[in-house]
């Protein structure tokens, strides 16, 4: 996978996380708190500036109330 493919995938996952959060009427701070994450880090995840681990993605998905397969299916 090239660097541009890697970045594209990161942005796609970030977009899915953000859309899921918005559909569930949650603020970034709500998700961050429920997932046990720093709000600034969570915001970076949504912007595609951070590459969260699978464990972190799972925590985020649980906080939003969705399955990780909804975020990771590409």
Protein backbone atom coordinates (compact mmCIF):
# COMPACT_ATOMS: atom_id res chain seq x y z
CA UNK A 1 0.00 0.00 0.00
CA UNK A 2 1.45 3.35 -1.00
CA UNK A 3 1.54 6.39 1.25
CA UNK A 4 -1.31 8.03 -0.66
CA UNK A 5 -3.40 4.84 -0.34
CA UNK A 6 -2.62 4.78 3.38
CA UNK A 7 -3.72 8.40 3.79
CA UNK A 8 -6.84 7.80 1.70
CA UNK A 9 -7.83 4.85 3.91
CA UNK A 10 -7.17 6.86 7.08
CA UNK A 11 -9.40 9.68 5.80
CA UNK A 12 -12.14 7.24 4.79
CA UNK A 13 -12.21 5.69 8.26
CA UNK A 14 -12.14 9.16 9.84
CA UNK A 15 -15.09 10.26 7.73
CA UNK A 16 -17.11 7.17 8.68
CA UNK A 17 -16.42 7.77 12.36
CA UNK A 18 -17.52 11.41 12.11
CA UNK A 19 -20.69 10.59 10.15
CA UNK A 20 -21.62 7.88 12.65
CA UNK A 21 -21.10 10.28 15.54
CA UNK A 22 -23.25 12.94 13.90
CA UNK A 23 -26.02 10.44 13.08
CA UNK A 24 -26.11 9.55 16.77
CA UNK A 25 -26.27 13.22 17.81
CA UNK A 26 -23.07 13.03 19.85
CA UNK A 27 -20.43 15.69 20.40
CA UNK A 28 -16.77 14.88 20.00
CA UNK A 29 -16.30 15.34 23.73
CA UNK A 30 -19.08 12.81 24.41
CA UNK A 31 -17.40 10.13 22.32
CA UNK A 32 -13.95 10.91 23.66
CA UNK A 33 -15.13 10.66 27.25
CA UNK A 34 -17.04 7.40 26.69
CA UNK A 35 -14.05 5.91 24.86
CA UNK A 36 -11.57 7.08 27.50
CA UNK A 37 -9.70 9.30 25.05
CA UNK A 38 -8.40 12.83 25.13
CA UNK A 39 -10.82 15.10 23.23
CA UNK A 40 -8.01 16.65 21.19
CA UNK A 41 -6.77 13.20 20.13
CA UNK A 42 -10.28 12.14 19.18
CA UNK A 43 -10.67 15.28 17.05
CA UNK A 44 -7.44 14.36 15.25
CA UNK A 45 -8.85 10.90 14.57
CA UNK A 46 -11.93 12.46 12.96
CA UNK A 47 -9.77 14.76 10.83
CA UNK A 48 -7.58 11.86 9.71
CA UNK A 49 -4.53 13.33 11.40
CA UNK A 50 -4.10 10.39 13.78
CA UNK A 51 -3.97 6.67 13.04
CA UNK A 52 -5.78 4.96 15.90
CA UNK A 53 -5.09 1.35 16.79
CA UNK A 54 -7.73 -1.31 16.31
CA UNK A 55 -8.30 -1.23 20.07
CA UNK A 56 -8.93 2.53 19.95
CA UNK A 57 -11.26 2.20 16.96
CA UNK A 58 -13.19 -0.46 18.87
CA UNK A 59 -13.51 1.86 21.89
CA UNK A 60 -14.71 4.70 19.64
CA UNK A 61 -17.27 2.45 17.98
CA UNK A 62 -18.60 1.27 21.34
CA UNK A 63 -18.84 4.88 22.51
CA UNK A 64 -20.83 5.82 19.40
CA UNK A 65 -22.96 2.68 19.60
CA UNK A 66 -21.97 1.06 16.31
CA UNK A 67 -20.08 -2.03 15.21
CA UNK A 68 -16.46 -1.67 14.17
CA UNK A 69 -17.30 -3.43 10.90
CA UNK A 70 -19.30 -0.33 9.93
CA UNK A 71 -16.12 1.73 10.15
CA UNK A 72 -13.57 -0.77 8.89
CA UNK A 73 -15.45 -2.10 5.86
CA UNK A 74 -14.01 -0.42 2.80
